[in-house]
Amino acid sequence: MSKKVIGALIVFVLSWSVSAAQVSPQPLVQGDGWRLVRSIELGNSGNYIHMVLIDSKRDMDTAVYGAALSKICRSEPDFCRVRFWNEERLVSDSISFTEAQFKGLRAEYVFNRAGSVQEMRYACTVVSDKNQCFSH
């Protein structure tokens, strides 16, 4: 093998192991109408952003989002952040996301006890109340 191929393989393995280290080792959970796809750690903080897939036939049912939050966030008393999509191909595999992933985002929940923040916002196509929604 050439040095370029070996170098590329080393870079690939190292980048894969770095990105794999960011993903939570916790078993993935699911419920009626939703499934946790992945949890990604914010740096080395021990805090995670949870990426959830909502059944596209139930994405207008805010109770499904609440059930997911209840199960995912119950063991996180100080910080919990959850992002929801209804298309698996759009579920982000990193903390940031593309414009297409943002446009597909159905809801986002943020709880940060230290910052006194607790907010659930939906895409305006899910909930039309301007105080609870964001538009793409």
N, C-alpha and C. Protein backbone atom coordinates (compact mmCIF):
# COMPACT_ATOMS: atom_id res chain seq x y z
N MET A 1 0.83 -1.19 0.00
CA MET A 1 0.00 0.00 0.00
C MET A 1 0.87 1.25 0.00
N SER A 2 0.38 2.25 -0.64
CA SER A 2 1.15 3.49 -0.70
C SER A 2 1.03 4.25 0.62
N LYS A 3 1.96 5.15 0.83
CA LYS A 3 1.95 5.96 2.05
C LYS A 3 0.70 6.83 2.12
N LYS A 4 0.20 7.28 0.97
CA LYS A 4 -1.02 8.11 0.95
C LYS A 4 -2.22 7.31 1.44
N VAL A 5 -2.34 6.06 0.99
CA VAL A 5 -3.48 5.22 1.39
C VAL A 5 -3.39 4.92 2.89
N ILE A 6 -2.22 4.58 3.37
CA ILE A 6 -2.04 4.30 4.79
C ILE A 6 -2.33 5.55 5.61
N GLY A 7 -1.86 6.69 5.15
CA GLY A 7 -2.13 7.95 5.85
C GLY A 7 -3.61 8.25 5.89
N ALA A 8 -4.30 8.02 4.79
CA ALA A 8 -5.74 8.27 4.74
C ALA A 8 -6.47 7.33 5.69
N LEU A 9 -6.05 6.08 5.76
CA LEU A 9 -6.68 5.13 6.68
C LEU A 9 -6.47 5.55 8.14
N ILE A 10 -5.28 6.00 8.46
CA ILE A 10 -4.99 6.45 9.82
C ILE A 10 -5.86 7.64 10.18
N VAL A 11 -5.97 8.61 9.27
CA VAL A 11 -6.81 9.78 9.51
C VAL A 11 -8.26 9.36 9.70
N PHE A 12 -8.74 8.43 8.87
CA PHE A 12 -10.12 7.96 8.99
C PHE A 12 -10.36 7.30 10.34
N VAL A 13 -9.46 6.40 10.74
CA VAL A 13 -9.63 5.70 12.02
C VAL A 13 -9.59 6.68 13.18
N LEU A 14 -8.67 7.62 13.15
CA LEU A 14 -8.57 8.60 14.23
C LEU A 14 -9.81 9.49 14.28
N SER A 15 -10.29 9.95 13.13
CA SER A 15 -11.47 10.81 13.13
C SER A 15 -12.70 10.02 13.57
N TRP A 16 -12.80 8.76 13.19
CA TRP A 16 -13.93 7.95 13.60
C TRP A 16 -13.91 7.75 15.11
N SER A 17 -12.74 7.47 15.68
CA SER A 17 -12.68 7.23 17.12
C SER A 17 -12.97 8.50 17.90
N VAL A 18 -12.58 9.67 17.38
CA VAL A 18 -12.89 10.93 18.05
C VAL A 18 -14.39 11.18 18.03
N SER A 19 -15.04 11.00 16.87
CA SER A 19 -16.47 11.24 16.80
C SER A 19 -17.23 10.19 17.59
N ALA A 20 -16.76 8.95 17.61
CA ALA A 20 -17.43 7.91 18.38
C ALA A 20 -17.35 8.20 19.87
N ALA A 21 -16.28 8.86 20.32
CA ALA A 21 -16.14 9.18 21.73
C ALA A 21 -17.16 10.20 22.18
N GLN A 22 -17.69 10.99 21.26
CA GLN A 22 -18.66 12.01 21.62
C GLN A 22 -20.06 11.44 21.82
N VAL A 23 -20.32 10.25 21.29
CA VAL A 23 -21.66 9.68 21.36
C VAL A 23 -21.83 8.96 22.69
N SER A 24 -22.98 9.16 23.30
CA SER A 24 -23.26 8.58 24.60
C SER A 24 -23.24 7.05 24.54
N PRO A 25 -22.61 6.40 25.53
CA PRO A 25 -22.61 4.95 25.56
C PRO A 25 -23.93 4.38 26.11
N GLN A 26 -24.84 5.24 26.51
CA GLN A 26 -26.11 4.81 27.08
C GLN A 26 -26.92 4.07 26.02
N PRO A 27 -27.69 3.05 26.46
CA PRO A 27 -28.55 2.38 25.49
C PRO A 27 -29.62 3.35 24.98
N LEU A 28 -29.97 3.21 23.71
CA LEU A 28 -30.96 4.10 23.12
C LEU A 28 -32.36 3.70 23.59
N VAL A 29 -33.16 4.69 23.86
CA VAL A 29 -34.51 4.45 24.36
C VAL A 29 -35.54 4.83 23.30
N GLN A 30 -36.74 4.34 23.49
CA GLN A 30 -37.82 4.68 22.57
C GLN A 30 -39.14 4.57 23.30
N GLY A 31 -40.17 5.07 22.64
CA GLY A 31 -41.51 5.02 23.20
C GLY A 31 -42.53 5.03 22.07
N ASP A 32 -43.76 5.19 22.42
CA ASP A 32 -44.84 5.19 21.44
C ASP A 32 -44.76 6.44 20.57
N GLY A 33 -44.34 6.29 19.32
CA GLY A 33 -44.28 7.41 18.39
C GLY A 33 -42.94 8.12 18.33
N TRP A 34 -41.91 7.64 19.03
CA TRP A 34 -40.61 8.29 19.00
C TRP A 34 -39.50 7.29 19.30
N ARG A 35 -38.27 7.66 18.87
CA ARG A 35 -37.10 6.84 19.13
C ARG A 35 -35.87 7.73 19.24
N LEU A 36 -35.09 7.53 20.28
CA LEU A 36 -33.81 8.24 20.42
C LEU A 36 -32.83 7.64 19.42
N VAL A 37 -32.31 8.47 18.53
CA VAL A 37 -31.38 8.01 17.50
C VAL A 37 -29.95 8.05 18.02
N ARG A 38 -29.58 9.15 18.66
CA ARG A 38 -28.23 9.27 19.21
C ARG A 38 -28.20 10.39 20.24
N SER A 39 -27.18 10.33 21.10
CA SER A 39 -26.92 11.39 22.06
C SER A 39 -25.47 11.81 21.88
N ILE A 40 -25.26 13.11 21.74
CA ILE A 40 -23.92 13.62 21.46
C ILE A 40 -23.49 14.54 22.61
N GLU A 41 -22.33 14.26 23.18
CA GLU A 41 -21.82 15.04 24.30
C GLU A 41 -21.36 16.42 23.84
N LEU A 42 -21.65 17.41 24.66
CA LEU A 42 -21.18 18.78 24.44
C LEU A 42 -19.77 18.88 25.00
N GLY A 43 -18.79 18.73 24.13
CA GLY A 43 -17.40 18.74 24.58
C GLY A 43 -17.14 17.59 25.54
N ASN A 44 -16.57 17.91 26.70
CA ASN A 44 -16.34 16.92 27.75
C ASN A 44 -17.16 17.24 28.99
N SER A 45 -18.31 17.88 28.78
CA SER A 45 -19.12 18.40 29.89
C SER A 45 -19.94 17.34 30.61
N GLY A 46 -20.17 16.21 29.98
CA GLY A 46 -21.08 15.22 30.55
C GLY A 46 -22.53 15.54 30.22
N ASN A 47 -22.76 16.64 29.50
CA ASN A 47 -24.10 17.03 29.04
C ASN A 47 -24.25 16.63 27.58
N TYR A 48 -25.45 16.21 27.23
CA TYR A 48 -25.70 15.68 25.90
C TYR A 48 -26.83 16.41 25.19
N ILE A 49 -26.74 16.42 23.87
CA ILE A 49 -27.88 16.80 23.03
C ILE A 49 -28.41 15.49 22.48
N HIS A 50 -29.69 15.25 22.73
CA HIS A 50 -30.33 14.01 22.32
C HIS A 50 -31.08 14.25 21.01
N MET A 51 -30.83 13.41 20.02
CA MET A 51 -31.45 13.52 18.71
C MET A 51 -32.54 12.46 18.60
N VAL A 52 -33.77 12.92 18.41
CA VAL A 52 -34.93 12.03 18.47
C VAL A 52 -35.68 12.04 17.15
N LEU A 53 -36.12 10.86 16.75
CA LEU A 53 -36.95 10.70 15.57
C LEU A 53 -38.40 10.51 16.02
N ILE A 54 -39.27 11.39 15.52
CA ILE A 54 -40.71 11.32 15.82
C ILE A 54 -41.39 10.65 14.62
N ASP A 55 -42.34 9.77 14.90
CA ASP A 55 -43.12 9.15 13.82
C ASP A 55 -43.80 10.26 13.03
N SER A 56 -43.58 10.29 11.73
CA SER A 56 -44.11 11.38 10.90
C SER A 56 -45.63 11.47 10.94
N LYS A 57 -46.29 10.37 11.25
CA LYS A 57 -47.75 10.39 11.34
C LYS A 57 -48.24 10.97 12.67
N ARG A 58 -47.31 11.15 13.61
CA ARG A 58 -47.68 11.64 14.94
C ARG A 58 -46.96 12.93 15.31
N ASP A 59 -46.29 13.56 14.35
CA ASP A 59 -45.45 14.72 14.69
C ASP A 59 -46.24 15.97 15.05
N MET A 60 -47.55 15.95 14.90
CA MET A 60 -48.38 17.09 15.33
C MET A 60 -48.92 16.87 16.75
N ASP A 61 -48.66 15.69 17.32
CA ASP A 61 -49.16 15.32 18.64
C ASP A 61 -48.12 15.71 19.69
N THR A 62 -48.34 16.82 20.37
CA THR A 62 -47.36 17.32 21.34
C THR A 62 -47.18 16.36 22.52
N ALA A 63 -48.13 15.48 22.75
CA ALA A 63 -48.00 14.49 23.83
C ALA A 63 -46.85 13.53 23.54
N VAL A 64 -46.60 13.24 22.27
CA VAL A 64 -45.48 12.36 21.91
C VAL A 64 -44.16 13.00 22.31
N TYR A 65 -44.03 14.29 22.05
CA TYR A 65 -42.81 15.02 22.44
C TYR A 65 -42.64 15.01 23.96
N GLY A 66 -43.75 15.24 24.66
CA GLY A 66 -43.71 15.24 26.12
C GLY A 66 -43.30 13.90 26.69
N ALA A 67 -43.82 12.82 26.11
CA ALA A 67 -43.46 11.48 26.56
C ALA A 67 -41.97 11.21 26.36
N ALA A 68 -41.44 11.65 25.22
CA ALA A 68 -40.01 11.47 24.94
C ALA A 68 -39.17 12.26 25.96
N LEU A 69 -39.57 13.51 26.21
CA LEU A 69 -38.83 14.34 27.16
C LEU A 69 -38.85 13.72 28.55
N SER A 70 -39.99 13.24 28.95
CA SER A 70 -40.13 12.64 30.27
C SER A 70 -39.17 11.46 30.45
N LYS A 71 -39.08 10.63 29.45
CA LYS A 71 -38.21 9.45 29.55
C LYS A 71 -36.74 9.82 29.39
N ILE A 72 -36.42 10.67 28.45
CA ILE A 72 -35.01 11.01 28.17
C ILE A 72 -34.41 11.88 29.27
N CYS A 73 -35.17 12.86 29.74
CA CYS A 73 -34.63 13.85 30.67
C CYS A 73 -34.76 13.49 32.15
N ARG A 74 -35.45 12.41 32.46
CA ARG A 74 -35.69 12.12 33.88
C ARG A 74 -34.42 11.84 34.67
N SER A 75 -33.37 11.37 34.02
CA SER A 75 -32.12 11.10 34.73
C SER A 75 -31.12 12.24 34.60
N GLU A 76 -31.58 13.39 34.10
CA GLU A 76 -30.69 14.54 33.92
C GLU A 76 -31.27 15.74 34.68
N PRO A 77 -30.98 15.85 35.96
CA PRO A 77 -31.62 16.87 36.79
C PRO A 77 -31.14 18.31 36.57
N ASP A 78 -30.00 18.50 35.90
CA ASP A 78 -29.44 19.84 35.75
C ASP A 78 -29.39 20.35 34.32
N PHE A 79 -29.37 19.45 33.35
CA PHE A 79 -29.26 19.86 31.96
C PHE A 79 -29.87 18.80 31.06
N CYS A 80 -30.70 19.23 30.12
CA CYS A 80 -31.24 18.31 29.12
C CYS A 80 -31.58 19.10 27.86
N ARG A 81 -31.10 18.63 26.73
CA ARG A 81 -31.41 19.27 25.46
C ARG A 81 -31.80 18.17 24.47
N VAL A 82 -32.95 18.36 23.84
CA VAL A 82 -33.46 17.34 22.93
C VAL A 82 -33.92 18.02 21.64
N ARG A 83 -33.53 17.45 20.52
CA ARG A 83 -33.96 17.95 19.21
C ARG A 83 -34.76 16.84 18.52
N PHE A 84 -35.82 17.24 17.83
CA PHE A 84 -36.74 16.28 17.22
C PHE A 84 -36.84 16.48 15.71
N TRP A 85 -36.81 15.38 14.97
CA TRP A 85 -37.06 15.37 13.52
C TRP A 85 -38.08 14.28 13.20
N ASN A 86 -38.74 14.40 12.06
CA ASN A 86 -39.67 13.35 11.65
C ASN A 86 -39.17 12.57 10.42
N GLU A 87 -37.95 12.85 9.99
CA GLU A 87 -37.32 12.10 8.90
C GLU A 87 -35.93 11.67 9.37
N GLU A 88 -35.70 10.38 9.37
CA GLU A 88 -34.43 9.88 9.90
C GLU A 88 -33.23 10.41 9.13
N ARG A 89 -33.37 10.61 7.83
CA ARG A 89 -32.23 11.10 7.03
C ARG A 89 -31.80 12.50 7.46
N LEU A 90 -32.67 13.24 8.16
CA LEU A 90 -32.34 14.60 8.60
C LEU A 90 -31.79 14.68 10.02
N VAL A 91 -31.88 13.60 10.77
CA VAL A 91 -31.40 13.62 12.15
C VAL A 91 -29.90 13.89 12.16
N SER A 92 -29.52 14.95 12.82
CA SER A 92 -28.11 15.37 12.84
C SER A 92 -27.23 14.35 13.54
N ASP A 93 -26.03 14.18 13.03
CA ASP A 93 -25.05 13.31 13.68
C ASP A 93 -23.96 14.13 14.37
N SER A 94 -24.22 15.43 14.51
CA SER A 94 -23.29 16.30 15.24
C SER A 94 -24.09 17.38 15.97
N ILE A 95 -23.40 18.16 16.76
CA ILE A 95 -24.06 19.23 17.52
C ILE A 95 -24.65 20.28 16.60
N SER A 96 -23.92 20.60 15.56
CA SER A 96 -24.44 21.56 14.58
C SER A 96 -25.19 20.78 13.50
N PHE A 97 -25.94 21.50 12.67
CA PHE A 97 -26.65 20.82 11.60
C PHE A 97 -26.75 21.70 10.37
N THR A 98 -27.10 21.07 9.27
CA THR A 98 -27.18 21.76 7.99
C THR A 98 -28.48 22.56 7.90
N GLU A 99 -28.57 23.37 6.86
CA GLU A 99 -29.80 24.14 6.64
C GLU A 99 -30.99 23.20 6.42
N ALA A 100 -30.78 22.13 5.67
CA ALA A 100 -31.86 21.16 5.44
C ALA A 100 -32.29 20.50 6.74
N GLN A 101 -31.33 20.18 7.60
CA GLN A 101 -31.67 19.59 8.90
C GLN A 101 -32.43 20.59 9.77
N PHE A 102 -32.04 21.85 9.72
CA PHE A 102 -32.76 22.88 10.48
C PHE A 102 -34.19 23.01 9.96
N LYS A 103 -34.35 23.01 8.64
CA LYS A 103 -35.69 23.13 8.07
C LYS A 103 -36.57 21.94 8.43
N GLY A 104 -35.96 20.79 8.66
CA GLY A 104 -36.71 19.60 9.04
C GLY A 104 -36.93 19.45 10.53
N LEU A 105 -36.28 20.32 11.32
CA LEU A 105 -36.40 20.26 12.78
C LEU A 105 -37.85 20.51 13.18
N ARG A 106 -38.42 19.62 13.97
CA ARG A 106 -39.82 19.73 14.37
C ARG A 106 -39.99 20.38 15.73
N ALA A 107 -39.00 20.20 16.61
CA ALA A 107 -39.08 20.80 17.94
C ALA A 107 -37.71 20.72 18.61
N GLU A 108 -37.55 21.58 19.63
CA GLU A 108 -36.33 21.55 20.42
C GLU A 108 -36.67 21.92 21.86
N TYR A 109 -36.09 21.16 22.78
CA TYR A 109 -36.28 21.39 24.21
C TYR A 109 -34.93 21.68 24.83
N VAL A 110 -34.89 22.71 25.68
CA VAL A 110 -33.67 23.06 26.39
C VAL A 110 -34.00 23.25 27.87
N PHE A 111 -33.26 22.56 28.72
CA PHE A 111 -33.36 22.77 30.16
C PHE A 111 -31.94 22.91 30.69
N ASN A 112 -31.69 24.02 31.39
CA ASN A 112 -30.39 24.27 32.00
C ASN A 112 -30.65 24.92 33.35
N ARG A 113 -30.54 24.11 34.39
CA ARG A 113 -30.83 24.62 35.75
C ARG A 113 -29.92 25.78 36.11
N ALA A 114 -28.63 25.70 35.80
CA ALA A 114 -27.68 26.76 36.15
C ALA A 114 -28.04 28.08 35.49
N GLY A 115 -28.57 28.03 34.29
CA GLY A 115 -28.93 29.25 33.56
C GLY A 115 -30.40 29.62 33.71
N SER A 116 -31.12 28.87 34.55
CA SER A 116 -32.56 29.10 34.75
C SER A 116 -33.32 29.11 33.42
N VAL A 117 -32.99 28.15 32.56
CA VAL A 117 -33.63 28.06 31.25
C VAL A 117 -34.42 26.76 31.17
N GLN A 118 -35.66 26.86 30.77
CA GLN A 118 -36.47 25.70 30.43
C GLN A 118 -37.43 26.14 29.34
N GLU A 119 -37.22 25.61 28.14
CA GLU A 119 -38.02 26.06 27.00
C GLU A 119 -38.25 24.92 26.02
N MET A 120 -39.51 24.78 25.62
CA MET A 120 -39.88 23.85 24.57
C MET A 120 -40.43 24.68 23.42
N ARG A 121 -39.82 24.53 22.24
CA ARG A 121 -40.29 25.26 21.06
C ARG A 121 -40.52 24.27 19.94
N TYR A 122 -41.58 24.52 19.21
CA TYR A 122 -41.96 23.66 18.10
C TYR A 122 -41.83 24.44 16.79
N ALA A 123 -41.71 23.71 15.70
CA ALA A 123 -41.82 24.35 14.39
C ALA A 123 -43.24 24.91 14.31
N CYS A 124 -43.41 26.04 13.68
CA CYS A 124 -44.74 26.66 13.59
C CYS A 124 -45.73 25.80 12.82
N THR A 125 -45.24 24.83 12.06
CA THR A 125 -46.14 23.90 11.39
C THR A 125 -46.66 22.82 12.34
N VAL A 126 -46.06 22.72 13.53
CA VAL A 126 -46.54 21.78 14.55
C VAL A 126 -47.47 22.50 15.51
N VAL A 127 -47.02 23.65 16.02
CA VAL A 127 -47.81 24.48 16.95
C VAL A 127 -47.80 25.90 16.39
N SER A 128 -48.95 26.46 16.16
CA SER A 128 -49.01 27.77 15.52
C SER A 128 -48.90 28.95 16.49
N ASP A 129 -48.88 28.70 17.79
CA ASP A 129 -48.75 29.76 18.79
C ASP A 129 -47.35 30.39 18.66
N LYS A 130 -47.31 31.66 18.29
CA LYS A 130 -46.04 32.36 18.05
C LYS A 130 -45.13 32.38 19.28
N ASN A 131 -45.69 32.21 20.47
CA ASN A 131 -44.87 32.18 21.68
C ASN A 131 -44.19 30.84 21.90
N GLN A 132 -44.65 29.82 21.18
CA GLN A 132 -44.09 28.48 21.37
C GLN A 132 -43.44 27.92 20.11
N CYS A 133 -43.37 28.72 19.04
CA CYS A 133 -42.89 28.14 17.79
C CYS A 133 -41.74 28.95 17.18
N PHE A 134 -41.04 28.28 16.28
CA PHE A 134 -40.01 28.92 15.48
C PHE A 134 -40.32 28.62 14.02
N SER A 135 -39.98 29.56 13.15
CA SER A 135 -40.19 29.32 11.73
C SER A 135 -38.85 29.10 11.06
N HIS A 136 -38.86 28.37 10.03
CA HIS A 136 -37.61 28.04 9.33
C HIS A 136 -37.36 29.11 8.32
